Amino acid sequence: MKAEDLKFAESTLDAFIESSINRVAESGVMRYTYKITAAEVKDETGRSRLHDSVISDYTQYFEEHGVSATFKPAADAFTVDLDLDSCVLRAGQARFLSSAMEKYRTEND
């Protein structure tokens, strides 16, 4: 994976995780689905096309972080399924999730 792709994948995954955690505080739901379009990947990485190897790299990156990503050619996009119960979190994200869960429990007990 090229540096531009890694940077984009990391920042996108971080955004999805942080958005999911914010939503936990209100809903208690731990699983969310997101979309990354091929156009977004191209715009952020300077690519003109997404070859099969690039698609595979992105899918593998997300899988290594406990997140499912599937490329759907008809939609020209990845569908990303993120479950906070099983995805890999950084320390700060783990603390943020713990706080969000506590907030939800406090307000809904």
N, C-alpha and C. Protein backbone atom coordinates (compact mmCIF):
# COMPACT_ATOMS: atom_id res chain seq x y z
N MET A 1 0.85 -1.17 0.00
CA MET A 1 0.00 0.00 0.00
C MET A 1 0.90 1.24 0.00
N LYS A 2 0.63 2.14 -0.91
CA LYS A 2 1.41 3.38 -0.98
C LYS A 2 1.10 4.27 0.22
N ALA A 3 2.03 5.16 0.50
CA ALA A 3 1.89 6.05 1.66
C ALA A 3 0.59 6.86 1.61
N GLU A 4 0.21 7.34 0.43
CA GLU A 4 -1.02 8.13 0.30
C GLU A 4 -2.24 7.29 0.64
N ASP A 5 -2.22 6.02 0.19
CA ASP A 5 -3.34 5.13 0.48
C ASP A 5 -3.41 4.81 1.97
N LEU A 6 -2.26 4.55 2.58
CA LEU A 6 -2.22 4.25 4.01
C LEU A 6 -2.75 5.42 4.83
N LYS A 7 -2.31 6.61 4.48
CA LYS A 7 -2.76 7.81 5.19
C LYS A 7 -4.28 7.98 5.06
N PHE A 8 -4.79 7.80 3.85
CA PHE A 8 -6.23 7.94 3.63
C PHE A 8 -7.00 6.84 4.38
N ALA A 9 -6.54 5.60 4.30
CA ALA A 9 -7.21 4.50 4.99
C ALA A 9 -7.22 4.73 6.50
N GLU A 10 -6.08 5.15 7.06
CA GLU A 10 -6.01 5.41 8.50
C GLU A 10 -6.94 6.52 8.93
N SER A 11 -6.94 7.63 8.20
CA SER A 11 -7.77 8.76 8.59
C SER A 11 -9.25 8.44 8.41
N THR A 12 -9.58 7.67 7.39
CA THR A 12 -10.97 7.29 7.16
C THR A 12 -11.45 6.35 8.26
N LEU A 13 -10.64 5.35 8.59
CA LEU A 13 -11.00 4.43 9.66
C LEU A 13 -11.16 5.18 10.98
N ASP A 14 -10.24 6.08 11.28
CA ASP A 14 -10.36 6.89 12.50
C ASP A 14 -11.67 7.68 12.52
N ALA A 15 -12.04 8.26 11.40
CA ALA A 15 -13.29 9.03 11.32
C ALA A 15 -14.50 8.13 11.56
N PHE A 16 -14.48 6.95 10.97
CA PHE A 16 -15.59 6.01 11.16
C PHE A 16 -15.68 5.57 12.62
N ILE A 17 -14.55 5.27 13.22
CA ILE A 17 -14.55 4.83 14.62
C ILE A 17 -15.05 5.95 15.53
N GLU A 18 -14.56 7.15 15.35
CA GLU A 18 -14.96 8.27 16.20
C GLU A 18 -16.43 8.61 16.01
N SER A 19 -16.92 8.54 14.78
CA SER A 19 -18.34 8.77 14.53
C SER A 19 -19.18 7.71 15.22
N SER A 20 -18.75 6.46 15.11
CA SER A 20 -19.48 5.36 15.75
C SER A 20 -19.52 5.54 17.27
N ILE A 21 -18.39 5.90 17.85
CA ILE A 21 -18.33 6.08 19.30
C ILE A 21 -19.26 7.22 19.73
N ASN A 22 -19.28 8.30 18.99
CA ASN A 22 -20.19 9.41 19.31
C ASN A 22 -21.63 8.94 19.29
N ARG A 23 -21.96 8.08 18.35
CA ARG A 23 -23.32 7.58 18.23
C ARG A 23 -23.67 6.62 19.36
N VAL A 24 -22.68 5.89 19.88
CA VAL A 24 -22.90 4.97 20.99
C VAL A 24 -23.45 5.72 22.19
N ALA A 25 -22.92 6.88 22.46
CA ALA A 25 -23.34 7.66 23.62
C ALA A 25 -24.83 7.98 23.58
N GLU A 26 -25.39 8.07 22.40
CA GLU A 26 -26.80 8.41 22.25
C GLU A 26 -27.70 7.19 22.07
N SER A 27 -27.19 6.17 21.35
CA SER A 27 -28.05 5.05 20.97
C SER A 27 -27.70 3.72 21.63
N GLY A 28 -26.46 3.57 22.06
CA GLY A 28 -26.01 2.30 22.60
C GLY A 28 -25.66 1.28 21.53
N VAL A 29 -25.88 1.62 20.27
CA VAL A 29 -25.59 0.71 19.15
C VAL A 29 -24.10 0.70 18.88
N MET A 30 -23.55 -0.49 18.68
CA MET A 30 -22.10 -0.65 18.51
C MET A 30 -21.69 -0.96 17.07
N ARG A 31 -22.65 -1.18 16.17
CA ARG A 31 -22.31 -1.58 14.80
C ARG A 31 -22.91 -0.59 13.80
N TYR A 32 -22.05 -0.16 12.87
CA TYR A 32 -22.46 0.82 11.87
C TYR A 32 -21.88 0.46 10.51
N THR A 33 -22.53 0.95 9.46
CA THR A 33 -22.07 0.72 8.10
C THR A 33 -21.77 2.07 7.45
N TYR A 34 -20.64 2.12 6.77
CA TYR A 34 -20.20 3.34 6.09
C TYR A 34 -19.86 3.02 4.64
N LYS A 35 -19.63 4.06 3.87
CA LYS A 35 -19.28 3.90 2.46
C LYS A 35 -18.08 4.77 2.12
N ILE A 36 -17.19 4.21 1.31
CA ILE A 36 -16.07 4.97 0.75
C ILE A 36 -16.17 4.82 -0.76
N THR A 37 -16.37 5.90 -1.47
CA THR A 37 -16.48 5.80 -2.92
C THR A 37 -15.10 5.73 -3.57
N ALA A 38 -15.07 5.14 -4.74
CA ALA A 38 -13.83 5.08 -5.50
C ALA A 38 -13.35 6.51 -5.79
N ALA A 39 -14.28 7.41 -6.04
CA ALA A 39 -13.92 8.80 -6.31
C ALA A 39 -13.19 9.42 -5.13
N GLU A 40 -13.62 9.12 -3.91
CA GLU A 40 -12.95 9.63 -2.71
C GLU A 40 -11.51 9.11 -2.64
N VAL A 41 -11.35 7.82 -2.88
CA VAL A 41 -10.00 7.24 -2.84
C VAL A 41 -9.12 7.90 -3.89
N LYS A 42 -9.64 8.05 -5.09
CA LYS A 42 -8.87 8.67 -6.18
C LYS A 42 -8.50 10.12 -5.84
N ASP A 43 -9.48 10.87 -5.35
CA ASP A 43 -9.24 12.28 -5.02
C ASP A 43 -8.19 12.44 -3.93
N GLU A 44 -8.26 11.60 -2.92
CA GLU A 44 -7.36 11.71 -1.77
C GLU A 44 -5.96 11.15 -2.02
N THR A 45 -5.84 10.27 -3.01
CA THR A 45 -4.55 9.62 -3.23
C THR A 45 -3.90 9.98 -4.56
N GLY A 46 -4.59 10.74 -5.38
CA GLY A 46 -4.04 11.12 -6.67
C GLY A 46 -4.10 10.02 -7.72
N ARG A 47 -4.88 9.00 -7.45
CA ARG A 47 -5.01 7.90 -8.41
C ARG A 47 -6.00 8.26 -9.50
N SER A 48 -5.80 7.64 -10.67
CA SER A 48 -6.77 7.81 -11.75
C SER A 48 -7.68 6.59 -11.86
N ARG A 49 -7.21 5.43 -11.33
CA ARG A 49 -7.98 4.19 -11.36
C ARG A 49 -7.71 3.39 -10.10
N LEU A 50 -8.67 2.53 -9.78
CA LEU A 50 -8.47 1.60 -8.67
C LEU A 50 -8.28 0.20 -9.26
N HIS A 51 -7.06 -0.24 -9.30
CA HIS A 51 -6.76 -1.58 -9.78
C HIS A 51 -7.18 -2.60 -8.73
N ASP A 52 -7.31 -3.84 -9.14
CA ASP A 52 -7.69 -4.91 -8.22
C ASP A 52 -6.74 -4.99 -7.02
N SER A 53 -5.46 -4.76 -7.27
CA SER A 53 -4.49 -4.84 -6.18
C SER A 53 -4.73 -3.74 -5.14
N VAL A 54 -5.14 -2.57 -5.58
CA VAL A 54 -5.44 -1.47 -4.66
C VAL A 54 -6.69 -1.80 -3.84
N ILE A 55 -7.69 -2.32 -4.51
CA ILE A 55 -8.92 -2.71 -3.83
C ILE A 55 -8.60 -3.77 -2.77
N SER A 56 -7.78 -4.72 -3.14
CA SER A 56 -7.36 -5.77 -2.21
C SER A 56 -6.59 -5.19 -1.03
N ASP A 57 -5.71 -4.23 -1.30
CA ASP A 57 -4.95 -3.58 -0.21
C ASP A 57 -5.88 -2.91 0.80
N TYR A 58 -6.89 -2.21 0.31
CA TYR A 58 -7.83 -1.53 1.20
C TYR A 58 -8.64 -2.54 2.01
N THR A 59 -9.12 -3.56 1.33
CA THR A 59 -9.89 -4.60 2.01
C THR A 59 -9.06 -5.25 3.10
N GLN A 60 -7.82 -5.56 2.78
CA GLN A 60 -6.92 -6.19 3.76
C GLN A 60 -6.62 -5.25 4.92
N TYR A 61 -6.39 -3.98 4.63
CA TYR A 61 -6.11 -3.00 5.69
C TYR A 61 -7.25 -2.99 6.71
N PHE A 62 -8.47 -2.90 6.22
CA PHE A 62 -9.61 -2.85 7.13
C PHE A 62 -9.76 -4.17 7.89
N GLU A 63 -9.58 -5.28 7.21
CA GLU A 63 -9.68 -6.58 7.87
C GLU A 63 -8.64 -6.73 8.98
N GLU A 64 -7.43 -6.21 8.77
CA GLU A 64 -6.39 -6.26 9.79
C GLU A 64 -6.77 -5.46 11.04
N HIS A 65 -7.74 -4.57 10.89
CA HIS A 65 -8.20 -3.74 12.01
C HIS A 65 -9.56 -4.20 12.53
N GLY A 66 -9.96 -5.43 12.13
CA GLY A 66 -11.20 -5.99 12.63
C GLY A 66 -12.45 -5.39 12.03
N VAL A 67 -12.31 -4.85 10.83
CA VAL A 67 -13.42 -4.18 10.15
C VAL A 67 -13.61 -4.83 8.79
N SER A 68 -14.85 -5.06 8.42
CA SER A 68 -15.15 -5.68 7.13
C SER A 68 -15.32 -4.60 6.06
N ALA A 69 -14.64 -4.77 4.94
CA ALA A 69 -14.78 -3.84 3.81
C ALA A 69 -14.96 -4.66 2.55
N THR A 70 -15.99 -4.36 1.80
CA THR A 70 -16.29 -5.07 0.55
C THR A 70 -16.42 -4.05 -0.56
N PHE A 71 -15.71 -4.28 -1.67
CA PHE A 71 -15.84 -3.38 -2.81
C PHE A 71 -16.97 -3.87 -3.70
N LYS A 72 -17.89 -2.98 -4.00
CA LYS A 72 -19.02 -3.31 -4.86
C LYS A 72 -18.88 -2.54 -6.17
N PRO A 73 -18.48 -3.24 -7.25
CA PRO A 73 -18.24 -2.56 -8.52
C PRO A 73 -19.46 -1.79 -9.04
N ALA A 74 -20.64 -2.32 -8.86
CA ALA A 74 -21.84 -1.64 -9.35
C ALA A 74 -22.03 -0.28 -8.69
N ALA A 75 -21.63 -0.18 -7.43
CA ALA A 75 -21.73 1.09 -6.71
C ALA A 75 -20.45 1.90 -6.82
N ASP A 76 -19.38 1.27 -7.31
CA ASP A 76 -18.06 1.89 -7.40
C ASP A 76 -17.63 2.42 -6.04
N ALA A 77 -17.84 1.55 -5.03
CA ALA A 77 -17.58 1.97 -3.65
C ALA A 77 -17.35 0.76 -2.75
N PHE A 78 -16.68 1.05 -1.64
CA PHE A 78 -16.52 0.07 -0.58
C PHE A 78 -17.68 0.25 0.40
N THR A 79 -18.19 -0.86 0.90
CA THR A 79 -19.11 -0.84 2.03
C THR A 79 -18.28 -1.30 3.22
N VAL A 80 -18.28 -0.51 4.26
CA VAL A 80 -17.46 -0.77 5.43
C VAL A 80 -18.38 -1.03 6.63
N ASP A 81 -18.29 -2.24 7.17
CA ASP A 81 -19.06 -2.62 8.35
C ASP A 81 -18.14 -2.59 9.56
N LEU A 82 -18.47 -1.73 10.50
CA LEU A 82 -17.62 -1.54 11.67
C LEU A 82 -18.40 -1.91 12.92
N ASP A 83 -17.86 -2.84 13.69
CA ASP A 83 -18.45 -3.26 14.95
C ASP A 83 -17.46 -2.90 16.06
N LEU A 84 -17.87 -1.99 16.91
CA LEU A 84 -16.98 -1.53 17.98
C LEU A 84 -16.64 -2.63 18.98
N ASP A 85 -17.41 -3.70 18.99
CA ASP A 85 -17.10 -4.83 19.87
C ASP A 85 -15.91 -5.63 19.39
N SER A 86 -15.56 -5.50 18.10
CA SER A 86 -14.49 -6.35 17.56
C SER A 86 -13.41 -5.62 16.79
N CYS A 87 -13.57 -4.33 16.55
CA CYS A 87 -12.53 -3.63 15.78
C CYS A 87 -11.36 -3.23 16.68
N VAL A 88 -10.25 -2.97 16.06
CA VAL A 88 -9.04 -2.58 16.77
C VAL A 88 -9.10 -1.07 17.06
N LEU A 89 -8.95 -0.73 18.33
CA LEU A 89 -9.00 0.67 18.75
C LEU A 89 -7.64 1.10 19.28
N ARG A 90 -7.32 2.36 19.07
CA ARG A 90 -6.16 2.96 19.71
C ARG A 90 -6.54 3.27 21.16
N ALA A 91 -5.55 3.54 21.98
CA ALA A 91 -5.82 3.78 23.41
C ALA A 91 -6.82 4.92 23.62
N GLY A 92 -6.63 6.02 22.92
CA GLY A 92 -7.54 7.15 23.07
C GLY A 92 -8.96 6.82 22.63
N GLN A 93 -9.08 6.03 21.58
CA GLN A 93 -10.40 5.61 21.11
C GLN A 93 -11.06 4.68 22.13
N ALA A 94 -10.27 3.81 22.73
CA ALA A 94 -10.80 2.90 23.75
C ALA A 94 -11.33 3.69 24.95
N ARG A 95 -10.60 4.71 25.37
CA ARG A 95 -11.06 5.55 26.48
C ARG A 95 -12.34 6.30 26.10
N PHE A 96 -12.37 6.80 24.87
CA PHE A 96 -13.53 7.53 24.36
C PHE A 96 -14.75 6.59 24.33
N LEU A 97 -14.56 5.34 23.88
CA LEU A 97 -15.65 4.37 23.84
C LEU A 97 -16.15 4.06 25.25
N SER A 98 -15.23 3.88 26.16
CA SER A 98 -15.62 3.60 27.55
C SER A 98 -16.47 4.74 28.11
N SER A 99 -16.07 5.96 27.85
CA SER A 99 -16.84 7.13 28.32
C SER A 99 -18.22 7.19 27.66
N ALA A 100 -18.27 6.90 26.37
CA ALA A 100 -19.54 6.93 25.64
C ALA A 100 -20.49 5.85 26.16
N MET A 101 -19.95 4.67 26.44
CA MET A 101 -20.77 3.59 26.97
C MET A 101 -21.29 3.95 28.36
N GLU A 102 -20.43 4.54 29.18
CA GLU A 102 -20.84 4.95 30.51
C GLU A 102 -21.93 6.02 30.44
N LYS A 103 -21.79 6.95 29.52
CA LYS A 103 -22.81 8.00 29.35
C LYS A 103 -24.13 7.37 28.96
N TYR A 104 -24.09 6.43 28.03
CA TYR A 104 -25.33 5.79 27.59
C TYR A 104 -25.98 5.04 28.76
N ARG A 105 -25.18 4.28 29.51
CA ARG A 105 -25.71 3.52 30.66
C ARG A 105 -26.33 4.45 31.70
N THR A 106 -25.64 5.54 31.99
CA THR A 106 -26.11 6.48 33.01
C THR A 106 -27.45 7.09 32.60
N GLU A 107 -27.58 7.45 31.34
CA GLU A 107 -28.79 8.11 30.87
C GLU A 107 -29.94 7.15 30.58
N ASN A 108 -29.64 5.86 30.49
CA ASN A 108 -30.68 4.90 30.10
C ASN A 108 -30.97 3.82 31.13
N ASP A 109 -30.45 3.97 32.31
CA ASP A 109 -30.73 2.99 33.38
C ASP A 109 -31.88 3.46 34.22
